[in-house]
């Protein structure tokens, strides 16, 4: 019986690889469906190609909507050209493509979902018979999502009216079955408490940890950037104030700013010009980059990032990790970000520190 992995981001794919090995699934029985956007798609395809973990790799927008095996590459040049038109790459056609995949594979053993509240992933889980739905980490959102499920919250709090209307439109016009599963398994690196109907399986990155390469170690500090100002968790002005303080904190060291793909190009240019920091955008998730590609720093730092959790598990005492706390967090994110820092406190050690005064 096949297992299906639905991913939107490189980090979801990295966690999918860990899940595949944890649940001891053979490559031939695993179908990877890539649902990335313009920014994440190249990284997803590169990582999928490099790791060679899957029996089938399918880009959702390339699934044949009309006939034949939906998992095969379209050979008919006319049909291929038609389906490459921008019109047919709109999310409106996702349902038809997912329906064809579901009908073709029949029952699935496991369905792994990378983005817990992505309506199209939920749709696939709802139309496909399966033994279990397993949720993969994508950032620190698993902490909040587990809490909301425990509270019985179906829709995200503070969701915008426009987003809510668009969801109802997808249900009415596209036939999306976007309801969330009654019970799920969290495959997570976080210490979370779940509803009685849900389960937790701890992701300790054992597979990636067992394949860490001997790489060059850099004396530079790698600071993991974040789109905190882009999503209005802190203002951009305060974000730069924090970075300036961190620069002074590491006054005798060179800081390499690891950009997040969701950070605005304008902001990254200001980080270069105003703070005089070297800005780098990796082709791979940072966990894979540091474990398999290199170089690896002696110190890894950030404000809040899922990479701090995963790198703590992967590298242990070999990598010093620092989380810098944030003040002036904008509502409604105060509680959510506070919960992340609370989780960090549970594993502070000589190699993992939280710095509040800097």
C-alpha atoms as a PDB file:
ATOM      1  CA  UNK A   1       0.000   0.000   0.000  1.00  0.00           C
ATOM      2  CA  UNK A   2       1.313   3.448  -0.947  1.00  0.00           C
ATOM      3  CA  UNK A   3       2.035   6.317   1.410  1.00  0.00           C
ATOM      4  CA  UNK A   4       1.660   9.874   0.147  1.00  0.00           C
ATOM      5  CA  UNK A   5       3.704  12.907   1.246  1.00  0.00           C
ATOM      6  CA  UNK A   6       2.308  16.384   0.476  1.00  0.00           C
ATOM      7  CA  UNK A   7       4.844  19.194   0.921  1.00  0.00           C
ATOM      8  CA  UNK A   8       4.998  22.938   0.210  1.00  0.00           C
ATOM      9  CA  UNK A   9       8.407  23.942   1.620  1.00  0.00           C
ATOM     10  CA  UNK A  10      11.951  22.533   1.758  1.00  0.00           C
ATOM     11  CA  UNK A  11      11.707  22.133   5.551  1.00  0.00           C
ATOM     12  CA  UNK A  12       8.551  20.060   5.165  1.00  0.00           C
ATOM     13  CA  UNK A  13      10.421  17.871   2.678  1.00  0.00           C
ATOM     14  CA  UNK A  14      13.348  17.436   5.074  1.00  0.00           C
ATOM     15  CA  UNK A  15      10.921  16.337   7.790  1.00  0.00           C
ATOM     16  CA  UNK A  16       9.201  14.049   5.282  1.00  0.00           C
ATOM     17  CA  UNK A  17      12.521  12.264   4.709  1.00  0.00           C
ATOM     18  CA  UNK A  18      12.935  11.788   8.468  1.00  0.00           C
ATOM     19  CA  UNK A  19       9.360  10.464   8.721  1.00  0.00           C
ATOM     20  CA  UNK A  20       9.887   8.026   5.851  1.00  0.00           C
ATOM     21  CA  UNK A  21      12.840   6.468   7.674  1.00  0.00           C
ATOM     22  CA  UNK A  22      11.214   6.561  11.099  1.00  0.00           C
ATOM     23  CA  UNK A  23       8.153   4.663   9.846  1.00  0.00           C
ATOM     24  CA  UNK A  24      10.396   2.302   7.850  1.00  0.00           C
ATOM     25  CA  UNK A  25       8.709   2.894   4.505  1.00  0.00           C
ATOM     26  CA  UNK A  26      10.333   1.633   1.317  1.00  0.00           C
ATOM     27  CA  UNK A  27      11.067   4.164  -1.402  1.00  0.00           C
ATOM     28  CA  UNK A  28       8.941   2.277  -3.930  1.00  0.00           C
ATOM     29  CA  UNK A  29       5.863   2.695  -1.736  1.00  0.00           C
ATOM     30  CA  UNK A  30       6.307   6.458  -1.244  1.00  0.00           C
ATOM     31  CA  UNK A  31       4.787   9.138  -3.472  1.00  0.00           C
ATOM     32  CA  UNK A  32       5.987  12.709  -3.029  1.00  0.00           C
ATOM     33  CA  UNK A  33       3.598  15.434  -4.194  1.00  0.00           C
ATOM     34  CA  UNK A  34       5.276  18.837  -4.420  1.00  0.00           C
ATOM     35  CA  UNK A  35       2.905  21.782  -3.970  1.00  0.00           C
ATOM     36  CA  UNK A  36       5.428  24.600  -3.637  1.00  0.00           C
ATOM     37  CA  UNK A  37       5.126  28.195  -4.752  1.00  0.00           C
ATOM     38  CA  UNK A  38       7.427  30.096  -7.083  1.00  0.00           C
ATOM     39  CA  UNK A  39      10.021  30.721  -4.354  1.00  0.00           C
ATOM     40  CA  UNK A  40      10.140  27.271  -2.781  1.00  0.00           C
ATOM     41  CA  UNK A  41       9.721  25.092  -5.875  1.00  0.00           C
ATOM     42  CA  UNK A  42      13.375  25.179  -7.081  1.00  0.00           C
ATOM     43  CA  UNK A  43      14.651  24.219  -3.609  1.00  0.00           C
ATOM     44  CA  UNK A  44      12.090  21.435  -3.313  1.00  0.00           C
ATOM     45  CA  UNK A  45      13.019  19.918  -6.657  1.00  0.00           C
ATOM     46  CA  UNK A  46      16.737  20.175  -5.937  1.00  0.00           C
ATOM     47  CA  UNK A  47      16.429  18.514  -2.512  1.00  0.00           C
ATOM     48  CA  UNK A  48      14.150  15.782  -3.866  1.00  0.00           C
ATOM     49  CA  UNK A  49      16.636  15.081  -6.648  1.00  0.00           C
ATOM     50  CA  UNK A  50      19.672  15.062  -4.335  1.00  0.00           C
ATOM     51  CA  UNK A  51      18.170  12.746  -1.714  1.00  0.00           C
ATOM     52  CA  UNK A  52      16.602  10.145  -4.035  1.00  0.00           C
ATOM     53  CA  UNK A  53      14.122   8.911  -1.426  1.00  0.00           C
ATOM     54  CA  UNK A  54      10.930   8.475  -3.428  1.00  0.00           C
ATOM     55  CA  UNK A  55       9.315   5.968  -5.762  1.00  0.00           C
ATOM     56  CA  UNK A  56       7.490   8.794  -7.513  1.00  0.00           C
ATOM     57  CA  UNK A  57       8.034  12.561  -7.380  1.00  0.00           C
ATOM     58  CA  UNK A  58       5.099  14.565  -8.707  1.00  0.00           C
ATOM     59  CA  UNK A  59       4.817  18.324  -9.104  1.00  0.00           C
ATOM     60  CA  UNK A  60       1.115  19.005  -8.650  1.00  0.00           C
ATOM     61  CA  UNK A  61       0.916  21.525 -11.496  1.00  0.00           C
ATOM     62  CA  UNK A  62       2.330  18.903 -13.886  1.00  0.00           C
ATOM     63  CA  UNK A  63      -0.251  16.226 -13.088  1.00  0.00           C
ATOM     64  CA  UNK A  64      -2.216  15.244 -16.183  1.00  0.00           C
ATOM     65  CA  UNK A  65      -5.781  16.403 -15.618  1.00  0.00           C
ATOM     66  CA  UNK A  66      -7.346  14.563 -18.537  1.00  0.00           C
ATOM     67  CA  UNK A  67      -6.304  10.923 -18.995  1.00  0.00           C
ATOM     68  CA  UNK A  68      -3.841   8.135 -18.153  1.00  0.00           C
ATOM     69  CA  UNK A  69      -1.617   7.706 -15.113  1.00  0.00           C
ATOM     70  CA  UNK A  70      -1.603  11.040 -13.231  1.00  0.00           C
ATOM     71  CA  UNK A  71       1.785  10.187 -11.729  1.00  0.00           C
ATOM     72  CA  UNK A  72       3.535   9.802 -15.090  1.00  0.00           C
ATOM     73  CA  UNK A  73       5.183  12.592 -17.047  1.00  0.00           C
ATOM     74  CA  UNK A  74       2.924  13.828 -19.856  1.00  0.00           C
ATOM     75  CA  UNK A  75       4.290  12.525 -23.162  1.00  0.00           C
ATOM     76  CA  UNK A  76       1.751  14.089 -25.538  1.00  0.00           C
ATOM     77  CA  UNK A  77       3.341  17.398 -26.556  1.00  0.00           C
ATOM     78  CA  UNK A  78       0.027  19.107 -27.351  1.00  0.00           C
ATOM     79  CA  UNK A  79      -1.550  18.168 -24.006  1.00  0.00           C
ATOM     80  CA  UNK A  80       1.670  19.150 -22.245  1.00  0.00           C
ATOM     81  CA  UNK A  81       1.690  22.592 -23.863  1.00  0.00           C
ATOM     82  CA  UNK A  82      -1.963  23.136 -22.959  1.00  0.00           C
ATOM     83  CA  UNK A  83      -1.392  22.219 -19.316  1.00  0.00           C
ATOM     84  CA  UNK A  84       1.666  24.468 -19.103  1.00  0.00           C
ATOM     85  CA  UNK A  85      -0.519  27.501 -19.795  1.00  0.00           C
ATOM     86  CA  UNK A  86      -0.654  29.776 -16.757  1.00  0.00           C
ATOM     87  CA  UNK A  87      -4.432  29.333 -16.658  1.00  0.00           C
ATOM     88  CA  UNK A  88      -4.112  25.626 -15.792  1.00  0.00           C
ATOM     89  CA  UNK A  89      -1.512  26.284 -13.092  1.00  0.00           C
ATOM     90  CA  UNK A  90      -3.982  28.192 -10.949  1.00  0.00           C
ATOM     91  CA  UNK A  91      -5.018  26.639  -7.653  1.00  0.00           C
ATOM     92  CA  UNK A  92      -8.544  26.303  -9.098  1.00  0.00           C
ATOM     93  CA  UNK A  93      -7.340  23.129 -10.844  1.00  0.00           C
ATOM     94  CA  UNK A  94      -5.650  21.585  -7.776  1.00  0.00           C
ATOM     95  CA  UNK A  95      -8.820  19.742  -6.803  1.00  0.00           C
ATOM     96  CA  UNK A  96      -9.142  18.011 -10.167  1.00  0.00           C
ATOM     97  CA  UNK A  97      -5.485  16.962 -10.070  1.00  0.00           C
ATOM     98  CA  UNK A  98      -5.663  15.715  -6.480  1.00  0.00           C
ATOM     99  CA  UNK A  99      -8.894  13.859  -7.230  1.00  0.00           C
ATOM    100  CA  UNK A 100      -7.207  12.039 -10.110  1.00  0.00           C
ATOM    101  CA  UNK A 101      -4.239  11.037  -7.938  1.00  0.00           C
ATOM    102  CA  UNK A 102      -6.538   9.821  -5.157  1.00  0.00           C
ATOM    103  CA  UNK A 103      -8.668   7.761  -7.542  1.00  0.00           C
ATOM    104  CA  UNK A 104      -5.571   6.264  -9.176  1.00  0.00           C
ATOM    105  CA  UNK A 105      -3.808   5.107  -5.989  1.00  0.00           C
ATOM    106  CA  UNK A 106      -6.972   4.005  -4.168  1.00  0.00           C
ATOM    107  CA  UNK A 107      -6.272   3.441  -0.473  1.00  0.00           C
ATOM    108  CA  UNK A 108      -3.180   4.926   1.171  1.00  0.00           C
ATOM    109  CA  UNK A 109      -1.329   3.598   4.195  1.00  0.00           C
ATOM    110  CA  UNK A 110      -0.227   6.973   5.563  1.00  0.00           C
ATOM    111  CA  UNK A 111      -0.879  10.511   4.361  1.00  0.00           C
ATOM    112  CA  UNK A 112       1.838  12.927   5.488  1.00  0.00           C
ATOM    113  CA  UNK A 113       0.871  16.598   5.415  1.00  0.00           C
ATOM    114  CA  UNK A 114       3.443  19.352   5.578  1.00  0.00           C
ATOM    115  CA  UNK A 115       1.136  22.297   6.130  1.00  0.00           C
ATOM    116  CA  UNK A 116      -1.496  21.446   8.689  1.00  0.00           C
ATOM    117  CA  UNK A 117      -4.101  23.955   7.581  1.00  0.00           C
ATOM    118  CA  UNK A 118      -3.565  24.019   3.832  1.00  0.00           C
ATOM    119  CA  UNK A 119      -7.055  23.396   2.477  1.00  0.00           C
ATOM    120  CA  UNK A 120      -5.880  21.330  -0.511  1.00  0.00           C
ATOM    121  CA  UNK A 121      -3.821  18.957   1.637  1.00  0.00           C
ATOM    122  CA  UNK A 122      -6.841  18.481   3.873  1.00  0.00           C
ATOM    123  CA  UNK A 123      -8.935  17.865   0.768  1.00  0.00           C
ATOM    124  CA  UNK A 124      -6.657  15.026  -0.334  1.00  0.00           C
ATOM    125  CA  UNK A 125      -6.789  13.433   3.127  1.00  0.00           C
ATOM    126  CA  UNK A 126     -10.581  13.697   3.135  1.00  0.00           C
ATOM    127  CA  UNK A 127     -11.122  12.035  -0.260  1.00  0.00           C
ATOM    128  CA  UNK A 128      -8.493   9.288   0.140  1.00  0.00           C
ATOM    129  CA  UNK A 129      -9.012   6.240   2.338  1.00  0.00           C
ATOM    130  CA  UNK A 130      -6.061   5.951   4.722  1.00  0.00           C
ATOM    131  CA  UNK A 131      -4.883   4.380   7.957  1.00  0.00           C
ATOM    132  CA  UNK A 132      -3.380   7.521   9.466  1.00  0.00           C
ATOM    133  CA  UNK A 133      -2.796  11.235   8.854  1.00  0.00           C
ATOM    134  CA  UNK A 134       0.641  12.346  10.015  1.00  0.00           C
ATOM    135  CA  UNK A 135       1.518  16.045  10.353  1.00  0.00           C
ATOM    136  CA  UNK A 136       5.046  17.237   9.647  1.00  0.00           C
ATOM    137  CA  UNK A 137       6.653  20.250  11.304  1.00  0.00           C
ATOM    138  CA  UNK A 138       6.901  23.439   9.311  1.00  0.00           C
ATOM    139  CA  UNK A 139       8.451  25.981  11.606  1.00  0.00           C
ATOM    140  CA  UNK A 140       7.221  26.451  15.144  1.00  0.00           C
ATOM    141  CA  UNK A 141       3.540  26.376  14.149  1.00  0.00           C
ATOM    142  CA  UNK A 142       3.058  22.831  15.481  1.00  0.00           C
ATOM    143  CA  UNK A 143       3.116  24.189  19.044  1.00  0.00           C
ATOM    144  CA  UNK A 144       0.217  26.553  18.437  1.00  0.00           C
ATOM    145  CA  UNK A 145      -1.702  24.134  16.221  1.00  0.00           C
ATOM    146  CA  UNK A 146      -1.566  21.351  18.819  1.00  0.00           C
ATOM    147  CA  UNK A 147      -2.867  23.789  21.426  1.00  0.00           C
ATOM    148  CA  UNK A 148      -5.736  24.913  19.194  1.00  0.00           C
ATOM    149  CA  UNK A 149      -6.742  21.318  18.441  1.00  0.00           C
ATOM    150  CA  UNK A 150      -6.717  20.570  22.151  1.00  0.00           C
ATOM    151  CA  UNK A 151      -9.030  23.549  22.681  1.00  0.00           C
ATOM    152  CA  UNK A 152     -11.319  22.380  19.885  1.00  0.00           C
ATOM    153  CA  UNK A 153     -10.627  25.424  17.691  1.00  0.00           C
ATOM    154  CA  UNK A 154     -11.464  24.534  14.088  1.00  0.00           C
ATOM    155  CA  UNK A 155     -10.472  27.751  12.316  1.00  0.00           C
ATOM    156  CA  UNK A 156      -7.460  29.881  13.149  1.00  0.00           C
ATOM    157  CA  UNK A 157      -8.260  32.729  15.501  1.00  0.00           C
ATOM    158  CA  UNK A 158      -8.033  36.236  14.030  1.00  0.00           C
ATOM    159  CA  UNK A 159      -8.433  34.927  10.486  1.00  0.00           C
ATOM    160  CA  UNK A 160      -9.192  37.765   8.062  1.00  0.00           C
ATOM    161  CA  UNK A 161     -12.674  38.034   6.581  1.00  0.00           C
ATOM    162  CA  UNK A 162     -11.236  38.035   3.057  1.00  0.00           C
ATOM    163  CA  UNK A 163      -9.456  34.724   3.719  1.00  0.00           C
ATOM    164  CA  UNK A 164     -12.577  33.211   5.237  1.00  0.00           C
ATOM    165  CA  UNK A 165     -14.669  34.236   2.197  1.00  0.00           C
ATOM    166  CA  UNK A 166     -12.076  32.756  -0.189  1.00  0.00           C
ATOM    167  CA  UNK A 167     -12.207  29.449   1.690  1.00  0.00           C
ATOM    168  CA  UNK A 168     -15.982  29.288   1.436  1.00  0.00           C
ATOM    169  CA  UNK A 169     -15.630  30.067  -2.276  1.00  0.00           C
ATOM    170  CA  UNK A 170     -13.268  27.142  -2.747  1.00  0.00           C
ATOM    171  CA  UNK A 171     -15.716  24.824  -1.027  1.00  0.00           C
ATOM    172  CA  UNK A 172     -18.692  26.059  -3.054  1.00  0.00           C
ATOM    173  CA  UNK A 173     -17.125  26.494  -6.518  1.00  0.00           C
ATOM    174  CA  UNK A 174     -14.317  23.908  -6.503  1.00  0.00           C
ATOM    175  CA  UNK A 175     -15.841  21.227  -4.324  1.00  0.00           C
ATOM    176  CA  UNK A 176     -12.989  21.383  -1.837  1.00  0.00           C
ATOM    177  CA  UNK A 177     -13.443  19.087   1.155  1.00  0.00           C
ATOM    178  CA  UNK A 178     -11.234  21.047   3.512  1.00  0.00           C
ATOM    179  CA  UNK A 179     -12.328  19.787   6.921  1.00  0.00           C
ATOM    180  CA  UNK A 180      -9.572  18.834   9.340  1.00  0.00           C
ATOM    181  CA  UNK A 181      -9.004  15.229  10.403  1.00  0.00           C
ATOM    182  CA  UNK A 182     -10.656  14.053  13.625  1.00  0.00           C
ATOM    183  CA  UNK A 183      -7.403  12.471  14.792  1.00  0.00           C
ATOM    184  CA  UNK A 184      -3.852  13.041  13.648  1.00  0.00           C
ATOM    185  CA  UNK A 185      -0.321  12.069  14.576  1.00  0.00           C
ATOM    186  CA  UNK A 186       2.175  14.893  15.092  1.00  0.00           C
ATOM    187  CA  UNK A 187       5.638  13.917  13.854  1.00  0.00           C
ATOM    188  CA  UNK A 188       7.423  16.746  15.611  1.00  0.00           C
ATOM    189  CA  UNK A 189      10.662  17.925  17.162  1.00  0.00           C
ATOM    190  CA  UNK A 190       8.694  19.832  19.820  1.00  0.00           C
ATOM    191  CA  UNK A 191       7.575  18.791  23.263  1.00  0.00           C
ATOM    192  CA  UNK A 192       3.840  19.311  22.759  1.00  0.00           C
ATOM    193  CA  UNK A 193       0.691  18.259  24.574  1.00  0.00           C
ATOM    194  CA  UNK A 194      -2.136  17.022  22.356  1.00  0.00           C
ATOM    195  CA  UNK A 195      -5.839  16.240  22.413  1.00  0.00           C
ATOM    196  CA  UNK A 196      -6.840  12.749  23.566  1.00  0.00           C
ATOM    197  CA  UNK A 197      -7.679  11.785  19.980  1.00  0.00           C
ATOM    198  CA  UNK A 198      -4.233  12.790  18.683  1.00  0.00           C
ATOM    199  CA  UNK A 199      -0.800  11.224  19.052  1.00  0.00           C
ATOM    200  CA  UNK A 200       2.776  12.484  19.143  1.00  0.00           C
ATOM    201  CA  UNK A 201       5.783  10.794  17.577  1.00  0.00           C
ATOM    202  CA  UNK A 202       9.040  12.551  18.391  1.00  0.00           C
ATOM    203  CA  UNK A 203      11.242  13.525  15.470  1.00  0.00           C
ATOM    204  CA  UNK A 204      14.819  13.440  16.761  1.00  0.00           C
ATOM    205  CA  UNK A 205      16.362  13.685  13.270  1.00  0.00           C
ATOM    206  CA  UNK A 206      18.038  10.327  13.746  1.00  0.00           C
ATOM    207  CA  UNK A 207      18.390   9.735  10.001  1.00  0.00           C
ATOM    208  CA  UNK A 208      20.019  13.081   9.208  1.00  0.00           C
ATOM    209  CA  UNK A 209      22.094  12.840  12.388  1.00  0.00           C
ATOM    210  CA  UNK A 210      23.447   9.451  11.294  1.00  0.00           C
ATOM    211  CA  UNK A 211      24.509  10.942   7.958  1.00  0.00           C
ATOM    212  CA  UNK A 212      26.265  14.101   9.163  1.00  0.00           C
ATOM    213  CA  UNK A 213      29.384  14.631   7.092  1.00  0.00           C
ATOM    214  CA  UNK A 214      32.793  15.728   8.379  1.00  0.00           C
ATOM    215  CA  UNK A 215      32.817  19.313   7.127  1.00  0.00           C
ATOM    216  CA  UNK A 216      34.884  22.455   7.473  1.00  0.00           C
ATOM    217  CA  UNK A 217      33.989  24.449  10.602  1.00  0.00           C
ATOM    218  CA  UNK A 218      33.737  28.211  10.207  1.00  0.00           C
ATOM    219  CA  UNK A 219      34.599  30.733  12.948  1.00  0.00           C
ATOM    220  CA  UNK A 220      31.779  32.969  11.697  1.00  0.00           C
ATOM    221  CA  UNK A 221      28.481  33.290  13.549  1.00  0.00           C
ATOM    222  CA  UNK A 222      25.562  32.132  11.422  1.00  0.00           C
ATOM    223  CA  UNK A 223      22.465  34.162  12.298  1.00  0.00           C
ATOM    224  CA  UNK A 224      19.194  32.736  10.950  1.00  0.00           C
ATOM    225  CA  UNK A 225      16.980  35.506   9.639  1.00  0.00           C
ATOM    226  CA  UNK A 226      13.220  35.529   9.826  1.00  0.00           C
ATOM    227  CA  UNK A 227      10.292  37.359   8.167  1.00  0.00           C
ATOM    228  CA  UNK A 228       9.162  38.652  11.562  1.00  0.00           C
ATOM    229  CA  UNK A 229       8.671  42.189  10.302  1.00  0.00           C
ATOM    230  CA  UNK A 230       7.074  41.029   7.043  1.00  0.00           C
ATOM    231  CA  UNK A 231       4.297  39.248   8.959  1.00  0.00           C
ATOM    232  CA  UNK A 232       4.016  42.053  11.571  1.00  0.00           C
ATOM    233  CA  UNK A 233       5.270  40.131  14.601  1.00  0.00           C
ATOM    234  CA  UNK A 234       7.702  43.003  15.242  1.00  0.00           C
ATOM    235  CA  UNK A 235       8.141  46.256  13.367  1.00  0.00           C
ATOM    236  CA  UNK A 236      10.988  46.525  10.877  1.00  0.00           C
ATOM    237  CA  UNK A 237      12.435  49.383  12.909  1.00  0.00           C
ATOM    238  CA  UNK A 238      12.649  47.180  16.000  1.00  0.00           C
ATOM    239  CA  UNK A 239      13.961  44.249  13.964  1.00  0.00           C
ATOM    240  CA  UNK A 240      16.921  46.379  12.893  1.00  0.00           C
ATOM    241  CA  UNK A 241      17.446  47.619  16.451  1.00  0.00           C
ATOM    242  CA  UNK A 242      17.671  44.002  17.646  1.00  0.00           C
ATOM    243  CA  UNK A 243      20.099  43.102  14.861  1.00  0.00           C
ATOM    244  CA  UNK A 244      22.288  46.070  15.747  1.00  0.00           C
ATOM    245  CA  UNK A 245      22.398  44.918  19.383  1.00  0.00           C
ATOM    246  CA  UNK A 246      23.326  41.412  18.257  1.00  0.00           C
ATOM    247  CA  UNK A 247      26.092  42.829  16.091  1.00  0.00           C
ATOM    248  CA  UNK A 248      27.520  44.535  19.187  1.00  0.00           C
ATOM    249  CA  UNK A 249      27.080  41.319  21.202  1.00  0.00           C
ATOM    250  CA  UNK A 250      29.322  39.521  18.692  1.00  0.00           C
ATOM    251  CA  UNK A 251      31.611  42.535  18.230  1.00  0.00           C
ATOM    252  CA  UNK A 252      34.749  40.439  17.765  1.00  0.00           C
ATOM    253  CA  UNK A 253      33.182  37.988  15.326  1.00  0.00           C
ATOM    254  CA  UNK A 254      31.935  38.044  11.754  1.00  0.00           C
ATOM    255  CA  UNK A 255      28.179  37.524  11.422  1.00  0.00           C
ATOM    256  CA  UNK A 256      26.739  35.807   8.356  1.00  0.00           C
ATOM    257  CA  UNK A 257      23.030  36.574   8.045  1.00  0.00           C
ATOM    258  CA  UNK A 258      21.190  33.516   6.677  1.00  0.00           C
ATOM    259  CA  UNK A 259      18.206  34.947   4.823  1.00  0.00           C
ATOM    260  CA  UNK A 260      14.757  33.401   4.936  1.00  0.00           C
ATOM    261  CA  UNK A 261      13.147  33.050   1.511  1.00  0.00           C
ATOM    262  CA  UNK A 262      10.110  35.043   2.784  1.00  0.00           C
ATOM    263  CA  UNK A 263      12.154  38.090   3.729  1.00  0.00           C
ATOM    264  CA  UNK A 264      11.755  41.037   1.391  1.00  0.00           C
ATOM    265  CA  UNK A 265      14.683  41.815  -0.960  1.00  0.00           C
ATOM    266  CA  UNK A 266      14.497  45.465   0.130  1.00  0.00           C
ATOM    267  CA  UNK A 267      14.967  44.526   3.795  1.00  0.00           C
ATOM    268  CA  UNK A 268      17.890  42.231   2.959  1.00  0.00           C
ATOM    269  CA  UNK A 269      19.553  45.026   1.010  1.00  0.00           C
ATOM    270  CA  UNK A 270      19.200  47.309   4.052  1.00  0.00           C
ATOM    271  CA  UNK A 271      20.768  44.633   6.273  1.00  0.00           C
ATOM    272  CA  UNK A 272      23.746  44.628   3.914  1.00  0.00           C
ATOM    273  CA  UNK A 273      24.071  48.383   3.535  1.00  0.00           C
ATOM    274  CA  UNK A 274      23.045  49.712   6.945  1.00  0.00           C
ATOM    275  CA  UNK A 275      24.334  46.927   9.212  1.00  0.00           C
ATOM    276  CA  UNK A 276      27.184  45.835   6.953  1.00  0.00           C
ATOM    277  CA  UNK A 277      26.353  42.156   7.374  1.00  0.00           C
ATOM    278  CA  UNK A 278      27.051  39.464   4.823  1.00  0.00           C
ATOM    279  CA  UNK A 279      23.708  38.053   3.624  1.00  0.00           C
ATOM    280  CA  UNK A 280      23.460  34.495   2.279  1.00  0.00           C
ATOM    281  CA  UNK A 281      20.478  32.545   0.946  1.00  0.00           C
ATOM    282  CA  UNK A 282      21.069  28.790   1.010  1.00  0.00           C
ATOM    283  CA  UNK A 283      19.731  26.467  -1.680  1.00  0.00           C
ATOM    284  CA  UNK A 284      18.754  23.897   0.964  1.00  0.00           C
ATOM    285  CA  UNK A 285      17.125  23.914   4.405  1.00  0.00           C
ATOM    286  CA  UNK A 286      19.766  25.037   6.869  1.00  0.00           C
ATOM    287  CA  UNK A 287      19.706  21.664   8.675  1.00  0.00           C
ATOM    288  CA  UNK A 288      20.675  19.858   5.467  1.00  0.00           C
ATOM    289  CA  UNK A 289      23.122  22.603   4.488  1.00  0.00           C
ATOM    290  CA  UNK A 290      25.045  22.358   7.778  1.00  0.00           C
ATOM    291  CA  UNK A 291      24.923  18.557   7.965  1.00  0.00           C
ATOM    292  CA  UNK A 292      25.733  17.644   4.373  1.00  0.00           C
ATOM    293  CA  UNK A 293      27.020  20.632   2.381  1.00  0.00           C
ATOM    294  CA  UNK A 294      28.859  22.960   4.780  1.00  0.00           C
ATOM    295  CA  UNK A 295      30.493  24.972   6.055  1.00  0.00           C
ATOM    296  CA  UNK A 296      29.301  24.501   9.625  1.00  0.00           C
ATOM    297  CA  UNK A 297      29.631  27.389  12.121  1.00  0.00           C
ATOM    298  CA  UNK A 298      30.778  27.153  15.715  1.00  0.00           C
ATOM    299  CA  UNK A 299      27.812  29.345  16.731  1.00  0.00           C
ATOM    300  CA  UNK A 300      24.282  29.335  15.326  1.00  0.00           C
ATOM    301  CA  UNK A 301      21.930  32.089  16.490  1.00  0.00           C
ATOM    302  CA  UNK A 302      18.476  33.473  15.828  1.00  0.00           C
ATOM    303  CA  UNK A 303      15.424  34.963  17.515  1.00  0.00           C
ATOM    304  CA  UNK A 304      12.928  32.134  17.055  1.00  0.00           C
ATOM    305  CA  UNK A 305      13.419  29.455  14.437  1.00  0.00           C
ATOM    306  CA  UNK A 306      12.552  25.801  14.075  1.00  0.00           C
ATOM    307  CA  UNK A 307      16.155  25.338  12.918  1.00  0.00           C
ATOM    308  CA  UNK A 308      17.359  25.988  16.479  1.00  0.00           C
ATOM    309  CA  UNK A 309      15.342  22.981  17.666  1.00  0.00           C
ATOM    310  CA  UNK A 310      16.341  20.696  14.824  1.00  0.00           C
ATOM    311  CA  UNK A 311      20.032  21.665  14.852  1.00  0.00           C
ATOM    312  CA  UNK A 312      20.120  21.082  18.615  1.00  0.00           C
ATOM    313  CA  UNK A 313      18.957  17.518  17.970  1.00  0.00           C
ATOM    314  CA  UNK A 314      21.211  16.937  14.963  1.00  0.00           C
ATOM    315  CA  UNK A 315      24.494  18.378  16.233  1.00  0.00           C
ATOM    316  CA  UNK A 316      24.206  18.178  20.029  1.00  0.00           C
ATOM    317  CA  UNK A 317      27.170  19.642  21.879  1.00  0.00           C
ATOM    318  CA  UNK A 318      29.141  20.122  18.645  1.00  0.00           C
ATOM    319  CA  UNK A 319      27.225  23.319  17.866  1.00  0.00           C
ATOM    320  CA  UNK A 320      26.619  26.252  20.215  1.00  0.00           C
ATOM    321  CA  UNK A 321      23.119  27.668  19.754  1.00  0.00           C
ATOM    322  CA  UNK A 322      21.850  31.020  20.995  1.00  0.00           C
ATOM    323  CA  UNK A 323      18.279  32.332  20.950  1.00  0.00           C
ATOM    324  CA  UNK A 324      17.899  36.085  21.460  1.00  0.00           C
ATOM    325  CA  UNK A 325      14.617  37.131  23.036  1.00  0.00           C
ATOM    326  CA  UNK A 326      12.302  39.726  21.518  1.00  0.00           C
ATOM    327  CA  UNK A 327      10.442  42.539  23.238  1.00  0.00           C
ATOM    328  CA  UNK A 328       7.738  44.687  21.683  1.00  0.00           C
ATOM    329  CA  UNK A 329       6.003  41.762  19.980  1.00  0.00           C
ATOM    330  CA  UNK A 330       2.843  42.916  18.232  1.00  0.00           C
ATOM    331  CA  UNK A 331      -0.521  41.378  19.164  1.00  0.00           C
ATOM    332  CA  UNK A 332      -1.880  38.769  18.510  1.00  0.00           C
ATOM    333  CA  UNK A 333       1.527  37.020  18.457  1.00  0.00           C
ATOM    334  CA  UNK A 334       2.658  37.660  22.041  1.00  0.00           C
ATOM    335  CA  UNK A 335       1.368  34.350  23.405  1.00  0.00           C
ATOM    336  CA  UNK A 336       2.500  32.292  20.407  1.00  0.00           C
ATOM    337  CA  UNK A 337       6.093  33.598  20.433  1.00  0.00           C
ATOM    338  CA  UNK A 338       6.166  33.361  24.229  1.00  0.00           C
ATOM    339  CA  UNK A 339       5.296  29.662  23.968  1.00  0.00           C
ATOM    340  CA  UNK A 340       8.286  29.125  21.682  1.00  0.00           C
ATOM    341  CA  UNK A 341      10.663  30.740  24.161  1.00  0.00           C
ATOM    342  CA  UNK A 342       9.135  28.628  26.943  1.00  0.00           C
ATOM    343  CA  UNK A 343       9.891  25.502  24.950  1.00  0.00           C
ATOM    344  CA  UNK A 344      13.497  26.688  24.523  1.00  0.00           C
ATOM    345  CA  UNK A 345      13.850  27.062  28.298  1.00  0.00           C
ATOM    346  CA  UNK A 346      13.192  23.352  28.778  1.00  0.00           C
ATOM    347  CA  UNK A 347      16.473  22.400  27.125  1.00  0.00           C
ATOM    348  CA  UNK A 348      18.886  25.192  27.975  1.00  0.00           C
ATOM    349  CA  UNK A 349      22.396  23.865  28.511  1.00  0.00           C
ATOM    350  CA  UNK A 350      26.028  24.766  27.910  1.00  0.00           C
ATOM    351  CA  UNK A 351      25.400  24.398  24.177  1.00  0.00           C
ATOM    352  CA  UNK A 352      21.928  26.000  24.048  1.00  0.00           C
ATOM    353  CA  UNK A 353      21.439  29.448  25.571  1.00  0.00           C
ATOM    354  CA  UNK A 354      18.672  32.034  25.708  1.00  0.00           C
ATOM    355  CA  UNK A 355      19.991  35.600  25.847  1.00  0.00           C
ATOM    356  CA  UNK A 356      17.614  38.290  27.118  1.00  0.00           C
ATOM    357  CA  UNK A 357      20.010  41.123  27.850  1.00  0.00           C
ATOM    358  CA  UNK A 358      22.043  42.169  24.844  1.00  0.00           C
END
